[in-house]
Amino acid sequence: MSMERLFEAVQKKGPVCVGLDTQVSFLPACMQKTDATDGEKIFEFNRRIIDAVHSDAGCFKLQIACYEALGLDGLRAYAKTLKYIHETGCVVISDVKRGDISSTASLYAKAHFSGDFETDLITVNAYMGEDAVSPYYPYFEQGKGVFVLVKTSNPSGKDFQDLSVGNETLYERMAEKVSQWGEAFIGKSGFSAVGAVTGLTYPEEFTRIRSRMPHTFLLIPGYGAQGGTGKDIANFFSDGVRGVVNSSRGLITAHKGKTEGEDFTDYVRQAVLGMKEDILKWL
């Protein structure tokens, strides 16, 4: 299954998830001056980055909003990028944050686990309960998986996630539920096809989450541009890497202020290697 493949890739290549949350403004000047459409430019930018870093990246993640904002042109770039990543043999996470009743969720599952937008793993908002997650379960047999939002990295996440529910917080209750939902889908790695999103901007809360999710692989946003560092994650990874750490802007805009030429991927690759070193040196 995809979570097993992701676990294996992280063990082999390190826990860096390269976020292709690409916007036209991120492209070097040499790529912005062509007659191609914005979507075509974005795909070419993505393709060059994938070629440069796929040997050192544990996986890639695409935020679909960056592509939806460009309409059909952007969605064509999204689909082509997914396909290209798969051709390299790498795992790809689609950050779509779907969350709806089961009948609608089943259509989201079909949309993102088959057809033009087929991906390996997606992010899911489970505020509506297990009904918003269970329609994805049948696709686990085909190797797919999900990451459910548990503790997000945005500042106002605490407005609801930190509310007290009995003797625990809402995010702790969510962590327990996500772990329970995933018990039927644990693979040979010891991790479930049901993963969780937990932000690196709140490292002190990792300990409380960790004890509640012994078989849950994590997608960890918040590194770099959002303030998280490799040292922040050291304690959580003290007995082995149990998640993948995402950075988007901090990696794919690493060339800004340094070059506007064809060598932009050199700076992106240096940033990926630097992030990898920063995380692994504390383990």
C-alpha atoms as a PDB file:
ATOM      1  CA  MET A   1       0.000   0.000   0.000  1.00  0.00           C
ATOM      2  CA  SER A   2       1.035   3.625  -0.463  1.00  0.00           C
ATOM      3  CA  MET A   3       1.760   4.185   3.243  1.00  0.00           C
ATOM      4  CA  GLU A   4       4.126   1.196   3.158  1.00  0.00           C
ATOM      5  CA  ARG A   5       5.818   2.614   0.054  1.00  0.00           C
ATOM      6  CA  LEU A   6       6.097   5.986   1.746  1.00  0.00           C
ATOM      7  CA  PHE A   7       7.594   4.430   4.873  1.00  0.00           C
ATOM      8  CA  GLU A   8      10.147   2.559   2.755  1.00  0.00           C
ATOM      9  CA  ALA A   9      11.022   5.670   0.735  1.00  0.00           C
ATOM     10  CA  VAL A  10      11.556   7.692   3.919  1.00  0.00           C
ATOM     11  CA  GLN A  11      13.860   5.014   5.327  1.00  0.00           C
ATOM     12  CA  LYS A  12      15.871   5.008   2.107  1.00  0.00           C
ATOM     13  CA  LYS A  13      15.884   8.676   1.072  1.00  0.00           C
ATOM     14  CA  GLY A  14      15.017  10.610   4.225  1.00  0.00           C
ATOM     15  CA  PRO A  15      11.862  12.309   5.559  1.00  0.00           C
ATOM     16  CA  VAL A  16      11.700  15.338   3.256  1.00  0.00           C
ATOM     17  CA  CYS A  17       8.394  15.924   1.479  1.00  0.00           C
ATOM     18  CA  VAL A  18       8.792  18.455  -1.325  1.00  0.00           C
ATOM     19  CA  GLY A  19       5.643  20.541  -1.587  1.00  0.00           C
ATOM     20  CA  LEU A  20       4.869  21.550  -5.163  1.00  0.00           C
ATOM     21  CA  ASP A  21       2.472  24.307  -4.103  1.00  0.00           C
ATOM     22  CA  THR A  22       3.486  26.132  -7.233  1.00  0.00           C
ATOM     23  CA  GLN A  23       2.447  29.653  -8.206  1.00  0.00           C
ATOM     24  CA  VAL A  24       3.553  31.529 -11.315  1.00  0.00           C
ATOM     25  CA  SER A  25       5.336  34.120  -9.156  1.00  0.00           C
ATOM     26  CA  PHE A  26       7.643  31.357  -7.896  1.00  0.00           C
ATOM     27  CA  LEU A  27       9.053  30.693 -11.363  1.00  0.00           C
ATOM     28  CA  PRO A  28      12.413  32.189 -12.388  1.00  0.00           C
ATOM     29  CA  ALA A  29      12.282  34.967 -14.969  1.00  0.00           C
ATOM     30  CA  CYS A  30      13.665  32.673 -17.654  1.00  0.00           C
ATOM     31  CA  MET A  31      10.482  30.581 -17.444  1.00  0.00           C
ATOM     32  CA  GLN A  32       8.009  33.433 -17.130  1.00  0.00           C
ATOM     33  CA  LYS A  33       8.970  35.053 -20.433  1.00  0.00           C
ATOM     34  CA  THR A  34       7.728  32.250 -22.675  1.00  0.00           C
ATOM     35  CA  ASP A  35       4.495  32.132 -24.695  1.00  0.00           C
ATOM     36  CA  ALA A  36       3.261  29.038 -22.832  1.00  0.00           C
ATOM     37  CA  THR A  37       0.131  29.152 -20.688  1.00  0.00           C
ATOM     38  CA  ASP A  38       0.533  29.571 -16.931  1.00  0.00           C
ATOM     39  CA  GLY A  39      -0.385  25.918 -16.447  1.00  0.00           C
ATOM     40  CA  GLU A  40       2.220  24.794 -18.962  1.00  0.00           C
ATOM     41  CA  LYS A  41       4.851  26.934 -17.269  1.00  0.00           C
ATOM     42  CA  ILE A  42       3.978  25.502 -13.876  1.00  0.00           C
ATOM     43  CA  PHE A  43       4.178  21.927 -15.115  1.00  0.00           C
ATOM     44  CA  GLU A  44       7.591  22.565 -16.697  1.00  0.00           C
ATOM     45  CA  PHE A  45       8.819  24.163 -13.447  1.00  0.00           C
ATOM     46  CA  ASN A  46       7.535  21.170 -11.482  1.00  0.00           C
ATOM     47  CA  ARG A  47       9.066  18.706 -13.939  1.00  0.00           C
ATOM     48  CA  ARG A  48      12.520  20.230 -13.621  1.00  0.00           C
ATOM     49  CA  ILE A  49      12.323  20.212  -9.824  1.00  0.00           C
ATOM     50  CA  ILE A  50      11.157  16.588  -9.771  1.00  0.00           C
ATOM     51  CA  ASP A  51      14.060  15.596 -12.017  1.00  0.00           C
ATOM     52  CA  ALA A  52      16.505  17.429  -9.752  1.00  0.00           C
ATOM     53  CA  VAL A  53      15.386  16.132  -6.355  1.00  0.00           C
ATOM     54  CA  HIS A  54      13.460  12.850  -6.681  1.00  0.00           C
ATOM     55  CA  SER A  55      16.501  10.852  -5.575  1.00  0.00           C
ATOM     56  CA  ASP A  56      16.639  12.784  -2.292  1.00  0.00           C
ATOM     57  CA  ALA A  57      12.953  13.400  -1.587  1.00  0.00           C
ATOM     58  CA  GLY A  58      10.917  10.951   0.455  1.00  0.00           C
ATOM     59  CA  CYS A  59       7.837  12.067  -1.492  1.00  0.00           C
ATOM     60  CA  PHE A  60       6.100  15.003  -3.130  1.00  0.00           C
ATOM     61  CA  LYS A  61       2.929  16.848  -2.107  1.00  0.00           C
ATOM     62  CA  LEU A  62       0.659  18.952  -4.308  1.00  0.00           C
ATOM     63  CA  GLN A  63      -1.745  21.516  -2.850  1.00  0.00           C
ATOM     64  CA  ILE A  64      -4.623  21.359  -5.305  1.00  0.00           C
ATOM     65  CA  ALA A  65      -5.738  24.961  -4.634  1.00  0.00           C
ATOM     66  CA  CYS A  66      -2.660  26.265  -6.441  1.00  0.00           C
ATOM     67  CA  TYR A  67      -3.862  24.484  -9.567  1.00  0.00           C
ATOM     68  CA  GLU A  68      -7.606  24.994  -9.192  1.00  0.00           C
ATOM     69  CA  ALA A  69      -6.993  28.746  -9.067  1.00  0.00           C
ATOM     70  CA  LEU A  70      -5.916  28.604 -12.727  1.00  0.00           C
ATOM     71  CA  GLY A  71      -9.018  26.752 -13.873  1.00  0.00           C
ATOM     72  CA  LEU A  72      -8.749  23.963 -16.439  1.00  0.00           C
ATOM     73  CA  ASP A  73      -5.263  25.082 -17.458  1.00  0.00           C
ATOM     74  CA  GLY A  74      -4.087  24.620 -13.874  1.00  0.00           C
ATOM     75  CA  LEU A  75      -5.833  21.283 -13.429  1.00  0.00           C
ATOM     76  CA  ARG A  76      -4.136  19.979 -16.569  1.00  0.00           C
ATOM     77  CA  ALA A  77      -0.810  20.944 -14.965  1.00  0.00           C
ATOM     78  CA  TYR A  78      -1.914  19.196 -11.763  1.00  0.00           C
ATOM     79  CA  ALA A  79      -2.800  15.969 -13.586  1.00  0.00           C
ATOM     80  CA  LYS A  80       0.410  16.015 -15.645  1.00  0.00           C
ATOM     81  CA  THR A  81       2.503  16.603 -12.510  1.00  0.00           C
ATOM     82  CA  LEU A  82       0.882  13.661 -10.711  1.00  0.00           C
ATOM     83  CA  LYS A  83       1.537  11.425 -13.699  1.00  0.00           C
ATOM     84  CA  TYR A  84       5.152  12.561 -14.003  1.00  0.00           C
ATOM     85  CA  ILE A  85       5.864  11.913 -10.322  1.00  0.00           C
ATOM     86  CA  HIS A  86       4.457   8.402 -10.684  1.00  0.00           C
ATOM     87  CA  GLU A  87       6.728   7.820 -13.687  1.00  0.00           C
ATOM     88  CA  THR A  88       9.733   8.462 -11.415  1.00  0.00           C
ATOM     89  CA  GLY A  89       8.473   5.813  -8.981  1.00  0.00           C
ATOM     90  CA  CYS A  90       7.991   8.325  -6.176  1.00  0.00           C
ATOM     91  CA  VAL A  91       5.038   8.557  -3.805  1.00  0.00           C
ATOM     92  CA  VAL A  92       2.779  11.597  -4.155  1.00  0.00           C
ATOM     93  CA  ILE A  93       0.372  13.101  -1.628  1.00  0.00           C
ATOM     94  CA  SER A  94      -2.504  15.248  -2.860  1.00  0.00           C
ATOM     95  CA  ASP A  95      -3.378  17.924  -0.332  1.00  0.00           C
ATOM     96  CA  VAL A  96      -7.092  18.216  -1.074  1.00  0.00           C
ATOM     97  CA  LYS A  97      -8.496  18.293   2.493  1.00  0.00           C
ATOM     98  CA  ARG A  98     -11.814  16.745   1.529  1.00  0.00           C
ATOM     99  CA  GLY A  99     -14.490  16.366   4.203  1.00  0.00           C
ATOM    100  CA  ASP A 100     -18.130  15.591   3.524  1.00  0.00           C
ATOM    101  CA  ILE A 101     -20.928  13.068   4.071  1.00  0.00           C
ATOM    102  CA  SER A 102     -20.281   9.520   2.916  1.00  0.00           C
ATOM    103  CA  SER A 103     -22.141   9.729  -0.421  1.00  0.00           C
ATOM    104  CA  THR A 104     -20.115  12.777  -1.447  1.00  0.00           C
ATOM    105  CA  ALA A 105     -16.886  11.442   0.043  1.00  0.00           C
ATOM    106  CA  SER A 106     -17.228   8.304  -2.079  1.00  0.00           C
ATOM    107  CA  LEU A 107     -17.136  10.530  -5.180  1.00  0.00           C
ATOM    108  CA  TYR A 108     -14.108  12.412  -3.871  1.00  0.00           C
ATOM    109  CA  ALA A 109     -12.446   9.024  -3.351  1.00  0.00           C
ATOM    110  CA  LYS A 110     -13.161   8.033  -6.938  1.00  0.00           C
ATOM    111  CA  ALA A 111     -11.930  11.403  -8.201  1.00  0.00           C
ATOM    112  CA  HIS A 112      -8.567  11.242  -6.442  1.00  0.00           C
ATOM    113  CA  PHE A 113      -7.848   7.525  -6.335  1.00  0.00           C
ATOM    114  CA  SER A 114      -8.602   6.873 -10.016  1.00  0.00           C
ATOM    115  CA  GLY A 115      -8.760   8.690 -13.338  1.00  0.00           C
ATOM    116  CA  ASP A 116      -7.038  11.922 -14.323  1.00  0.00           C
ATOM    117  CA  PHE A 117      -6.241  12.976 -10.740  1.00  0.00           C
ATOM    118  CA  GLU A 118      -5.114   9.589  -9.412  1.00  0.00           C
ATOM    119  CA  THR A 119      -2.735   9.952  -6.498  1.00  0.00           C
ATOM    120  CA  ASP A 120      -1.328   7.742  -3.728  1.00  0.00           C
ATOM    121  CA  LEU A 121      -2.516   9.501  -0.572  1.00  0.00           C
ATOM    122  CA  ILE A 122      -4.835  12.410   0.156  1.00  0.00           C
ATOM    123  CA  THR A 123      -5.519  14.669   3.107  1.00  0.00           C
ATOM    124  CA  VAL A 124      -8.967  14.418   4.714  1.00  0.00           C
ATOM    125  CA  ASN A 125     -10.876  16.648   7.142  1.00  0.00           C
ATOM    126  CA  ALA A 126     -12.810  14.365   9.512  1.00  0.00           C
ATOM    127  CA  TYR A 127     -14.804  17.020  11.368  1.00  0.00           C
ATOM    128  CA  MET A 128     -17.972  15.182  10.237  1.00  0.00           C
ATOM    129  CA  GLY A 129     -16.767  11.957  11.840  1.00  0.00           C
ATOM    130  CA  GLU A 130     -15.886   8.559  10.409  1.00  0.00           C
ATOM    131  CA  ASP A 131     -18.546   8.968   7.709  1.00  0.00           C
ATOM    132  CA  ALA A 132     -16.178  11.455   6.096  1.00  0.00           C
ATOM    133  CA  VAL A 133     -13.330   8.908   6.105  1.00  0.00           C
ATOM    134  CA  SER A 134     -14.816   5.428   5.646  1.00  0.00           C
ATOM    135  CA  PRO A 135     -15.649   5.853   1.910  1.00  0.00           C
ATOM    136  CA  TYR A 136     -11.900   5.862   1.277  1.00  0.00           C
ATOM    137  CA  TYR A 137     -11.363   2.495   2.984  1.00  0.00           C
ATOM    138  CA  PRO A 138     -12.179   0.304  -0.067  1.00  0.00           C
ATOM    139  CA  TYR A 139      -9.361   1.987  -1.963  1.00  0.00           C
ATOM    140  CA  PHE A 140      -6.837   0.898   0.662  1.00  0.00           C
ATOM    141  CA  GLU A 141      -7.037  -2.557  -0.934  1.00  0.00           C
ATOM    142  CA  GLN A 142      -5.733  -0.899  -4.106  1.00  0.00           C
ATOM    143  CA  GLY A 143      -2.783   0.583  -2.245  1.00  0.00           C
ATOM    144  CA  LYS A 144      -4.163   4.018  -1.389  1.00  0.00           C
ATOM    145  CA  GLY A 145      -4.186   5.850   1.941  1.00  0.00           C
ATOM    146  CA  VAL A 146      -5.236   9.023   3.744  1.00  0.00           C
ATOM    147  CA  PHE A 147      -3.847  11.578   6.159  1.00  0.00           C
ATOM    148  CA  VAL A 148      -6.516  12.897   8.532  1.00  0.00           C
ATOM    149  CA  LEU A 149      -6.152  16.389  10.017  1.00  0.00           C
ATOM    150  CA  VAL A 150      -5.401  16.130  13.745  1.00  0.00           C
ATOM    151  CA  LYS A 151      -3.311  19.168  14.787  1.00  0.00           C
ATOM    152  CA  THR A 152      -2.782  21.742  12.079  1.00  0.00           C
ATOM    153  CA  SER A 153       0.041  24.273  11.846  1.00  0.00           C
ATOM    154  CA  ASN A 154      -2.026  27.420  11.272  1.00  0.00           C
ATOM    155  CA  PRO A 155      -2.235  29.915  14.190  1.00  0.00           C
ATOM    156  CA  SER A 156      -6.028  29.837  14.571  1.00  0.00           C
ATOM    157  CA  GLY A 157      -6.181  26.033  14.625  1.00  0.00           C
ATOM    158  CA  LYS A 158      -6.231  26.310  18.416  1.00  0.00           C
ATOM    159  CA  ASP A 159      -9.634  28.041  18.281  1.00  0.00           C
ATOM    160  CA  PHE A 160     -11.267  24.615  18.100  1.00  0.00           C
ATOM    161  CA  GLN A 161      -8.512  21.993  18.254  1.00  0.00           C
ATOM    162  CA  ASP A 162      -7.403  23.036  21.758  1.00  0.00           C
ATOM    163  CA  LEU A 163     -10.902  23.076  23.267  1.00  0.00           C
ATOM    164  CA  SER A 164     -11.368  20.834  26.291  1.00  0.00           C
ATOM    165  CA  VAL A 165     -13.424  17.695  25.761  1.00  0.00           C
ATOM    166  CA  GLY A 166     -13.671  16.022  29.147  1.00  0.00           C
ATOM    167  CA  ASN A 167     -10.128  15.590  30.440  1.00  0.00           C
ATOM    168  CA  GLU A 168      -8.444  16.062  27.063  1.00  0.00           C
ATOM    169  CA  THR A 169      -8.353  18.449  24.129  1.00  0.00           C
ATOM    170  CA  LEU A 170     -10.328  18.023  20.935  1.00  0.00           C
ATOM    171  CA  TYR A 171      -7.152  17.279  18.947  1.00  0.00           C
ATOM    172  CA  GLU A 172      -6.227  14.540  21.438  1.00  0.00           C
ATOM    173  CA  ARG A 173      -9.685  13.018  21.014  1.00  0.00           C
ATOM    174  CA  MET A 174      -9.250  13.227  17.245  1.00  0.00           C
ATOM    175  CA  ALA A 175      -5.857  11.526  17.512  1.00  0.00           C
ATOM    176  CA  GLU A 176      -7.438   8.631  19.395  1.00  0.00           C
ATOM    177  CA  LYS A 177     -10.235   8.300  16.841  1.00  0.00           C
ATOM    178  CA  VAL A 178      -7.852   8.350  13.882  1.00  0.00           C
ATOM    179  CA  SER A 179      -5.764   5.659  15.531  1.00  0.00           C
ATOM    180  CA  GLN A 180      -8.858   3.509  16.124  1.00  0.00           C
ATOM    181  CA  TRP A 181     -10.050   3.917  12.525  1.00  0.00           C
ATOM    182  CA  GLY A 182      -6.667   2.790  11.277  1.00  0.00           C
ATOM    183  CA  GLU A 183      -6.345  -0.379  13.372  1.00  0.00           C
ATOM    184  CA  ALA A 184      -7.843  -2.564  10.640  1.00  0.00           C
ATOM    185  CA  PHE A 185      -5.361  -1.307   8.049  1.00  0.00           C
ATOM    186  CA  ILE A 186      -1.937  -1.794   9.665  1.00  0.00           C
ATOM    187  CA  GLY A 187       0.760  -2.996   7.264  1.00  0.00           C
ATOM    188  CA  LYS A 188       4.011  -4.884   7.690  1.00  0.00           C
ATOM    189  CA  SER A 189       5.818  -1.651   8.671  1.00  0.00           C
ATOM    190  CA  GLY A 190       3.588  -1.371  11.726  1.00  0.00           C
ATOM    191  CA  PHE A 191       1.866   1.717  10.338  1.00  0.00           C
ATOM    192  CA  SER A 192      -1.707   2.056   9.156  1.00  0.00           C
ATOM    193  CA  ALA A 193      -3.044   3.268   5.802  1.00  0.00           C
ATOM    194  CA  VAL A 194      -4.803   5.914   7.910  1.00  0.00           C
ATOM    195  CA  GLY A 195      -2.195   8.549   8.736  1.00  0.00           C
ATOM    196  CA  ALA A 196      -2.453  11.927  10.433  1.00  0.00           C
ATOM    197  CA  VAL A 197      -1.499  15.548   9.819  1.00  0.00           C
ATOM    198  CA  THR A 198       0.260  17.103  12.809  1.00  0.00           C
ATOM    199  CA  GLY A 199       1.939  20.518  12.567  1.00  0.00           C
ATOM    200  CA  LEU A 200       5.593  21.026  13.452  1.00  0.00           C
ATOM    201  CA  THR A 201       4.801  24.500  14.786  1.00  0.00           C
ATOM    202  CA  TYR A 202       3.581  22.859  18.007  1.00  0.00           C
ATOM    203  CA  PRO A 203       6.381  20.378  18.820  1.00  0.00           C
ATOM    204  CA  GLU A 204       5.592  20.377  22.555  1.00  0.00           C
ATOM    205  CA  GLU A 205       2.255  18.765  21.740  1.00  0.00           C
ATOM    206  CA  PHE A 206       3.791  15.925  19.733  1.00  0.00           C
ATOM    207  CA  THR A 207       4.328  13.923  22.911  1.00  0.00           C
ATOM    208  CA  ARG A 208       0.640  13.871  23.758  1.00  0.00           C
ATOM    209  CA  ILE A 209      -0.250  12.930  20.199  1.00  0.00           C
ATOM    210  CA  ARG A 210       2.428  10.267  19.917  1.00  0.00           C
ATOM    211  CA  SER A 211       1.163   8.169  22.824  1.00  0.00           C
ATOM    212  CA  ARG A 212      -2.298   8.099  21.278  1.00  0.00           C
ATOM    213  CA  MET A 213      -1.147   7.090  17.783  1.00  0.00           C
ATOM    214  CA  PRO A 214       1.339   4.206  18.024  1.00  0.00           C
ATOM    215  CA  HIS A 215       0.572   2.890  14.516  1.00  0.00           C
ATOM    216  CA  THR A 216       0.014   6.174  12.711  1.00  0.00           C
ATOM    217  CA  PHE A 217       2.444   7.586  10.137  1.00  0.00           C
ATOM    218  CA  LEU A 218       2.463  11.384  10.067  1.00  0.00           C
ATOM    219  CA  LEU A 219       2.439  14.137   7.498  1.00  0.00           C
ATOM    220  CA  ILE A 220       4.131  17.031   9.280  1.00  0.00           C
ATOM    221  CA  PRO A 221       3.720  20.552   7.877  1.00  0.00           C
ATOM    222  CA  GLY A 222       5.233  23.675   9.391  1.00  0.00           C
ATOM    223  CA  TYR A 223       8.929  23.272   8.563  1.00  0.00           C
ATOM    224  CA  GLY A 224      10.879  26.236   7.241  1.00  0.00           C
ATOM    225  CA  ALA A 225       8.619  29.105   6.197  1.00  0.00           C
ATOM    226  CA  GLN A 226       6.243  28.345   9.079  1.00  0.00           C
ATOM    227  CA  GLY A 227       9.017  28.227  11.658  1.00  0.00           C
ATOM    228  CA  GLY A 228       9.629  24.534  12.374  1.00  0.00           C
ATOM    229  CA  THR A 229      13.169  23.107  12.537  1.00  0.00           C
ATOM    230  CA  GLY A 230      14.825  19.696  12.544  1.00  0.00           C
ATOM    231  CA  LYS A 231      15.554  20.030  16.261  1.00  0.00           C
ATOM    232  CA  ASP A 232      11.840  20.457  16.955  1.00  0.00           C
ATOM    233  CA  ILE A 233      11.118  16.999  15.644  1.00  0.00           C
ATOM    234  CA  ALA A 234      14.044  15.149  17.231  1.00  0.00           C
ATOM    235  CA  ASN A 235      12.166  13.834  20.261  1.00  0.00           C
ATOM    236  CA  PHE A 236       9.273  12.562  18.192  1.00  0.00           C
ATOM    237  CA  PHE A 237      11.643  10.637  15.938  1.00  0.00           C
ATOM    238  CA  SER A 238      13.784   9.399  18.846  1.00  0.00           C
ATOM    239  CA  ASP A 239      12.962   5.736  18.155  1.00  0.00           C
ATOM    240  CA  GLY A 240      12.929   5.986  14.362  1.00  0.00           C
ATOM    241  CA  VAL A 241      11.436   8.126  11.627  1.00  0.00           C
ATOM    242  CA  ARG A 242       7.653   7.888  11.888  1.00  0.00           C
ATOM    243  CA  GLY A 243       6.561  10.582   9.488  1.00  0.00           C
ATOM    244  CA  VAL A 244       7.429  12.791   6.571  1.00  0.00           C
ATOM    245  CA  VAL A 245       8.146  16.514   6.967  1.00  0.00           C
ATOM    246  CA  ASN A 246       6.770  18.883   4.345  1.00  0.00           C
ATOM    247  CA  SER A 247       8.186  22.155   3.112  1.00  0.00           C
ATOM    248  CA  SER A 248       6.865  23.971   0.082  1.00  0.00           C
ATOM    249  CA  ARG A 249       7.845  27.632  -0.298  1.00  0.00           C
ATOM    250  CA  GLY A 250      11.078  27.078   1.615  1.00  0.00           C
ATOM    251  CA  LEU A 251      12.240  24.644  -1.071  1.00  0.00           C
ATOM    252  CA  ILE A 252      10.702  25.595  -4.400  1.00  0.00           C
ATOM    253  CA  THR A 253      11.535  29.311  -4.029  1.00  0.00           C
ATOM    254  CA  ALA A 254      15.097  28.691  -2.827  1.00  0.00           C
ATOM    255  CA  HIS A 255      16.437  30.267  -6.019  1.00  0.00           C
ATOM    256  CA  LYS A 256      14.754  33.619  -5.407  1.00  0.00           C
ATOM    257  CA  GLY A 257      17.259  36.425  -4.933  1.00  0.00           C
ATOM    258  CA  LYS A 258      20.044  34.194  -6.265  1.00  0.00           C
ATOM    259  CA  THR A 259      19.206  33.406  -9.868  1.00  0.00           C
ATOM    260  CA  GLU A 260      16.508  33.913 -12.470  1.00  0.00           C
ATOM    261  CA  GLY A 261      18.154  31.494 -14.865  1.00  0.00           C
ATOM    262  CA  GLU A 262      18.049  27.840 -15.886  1.00  0.00           C
ATOM    263  CA  ASP A 263      20.200  26.872 -12.905  1.00  0.00           C
ATOM    264  CA  PHE A 264      17.336  27.483 -10.452  1.00  0.00           C
ATOM    265  CA  THR A 265      17.043  23.755  -9.723  1.00  0.00           C
ATOM    266  CA  ASP A 266      20.561  23.750  -8.260  1.00  0.00           C
ATOM    267  CA  TYR A 267      19.332  25.991  -5.456  1.00  0.00           C
ATOM    268  CA  VAL A 268      16.181  23.951  -4.931  1.00  0.00           C
ATOM    269  CA  ARG A 269      18.212  20.751  -4.636  1.00  0.00           C
ATOM    270  CA  GLN A 270      20.623  22.419  -2.188  1.00  0.00           C
ATOM    271  CA  ALA A 271      17.631  23.437  -0.071  1.00  0.00           C
ATOM    272  CA  VAL A 272      16.256  19.877  -0.084  1.00  0.00           C
ATOM    273  CA  LEU A 273      19.636  18.456   0.951  1.00  0.00           C
ATOM    274  CA  GLY A 274      19.983  21.129   3.643  1.00  0.00           C
ATOM    275  CA  MET A 275      16.560  20.316   5.078  1.00  0.00           C
ATOM    276  CA  LYS A 276      17.333  16.613   5.031  1.00  0.00           C
ATOM    277  CA  GLU A 277      20.601  17.192   6.898  1.00  0.00           C
ATOM    278  CA  ASP A 278      18.917  19.499   9.407  1.00  0.00           C
ATOM    279  CA  ILE A 279      16.405  16.799  10.320  1.00  0.00           C
ATOM    280  CA  LEU A 280      18.667  13.761  10.305  1.00  0.00           C
ATOM    281  CA  LYS A 281      21.530  15.307  12.287  1.00  0.00           C
ATOM    282  CA  TRP A 282      19.332  15.395  15.409  1.00  0.00           C
ATOM    283  CA  LEU A 283      18.299  11.746  15.219  1.00  0.00           C
END
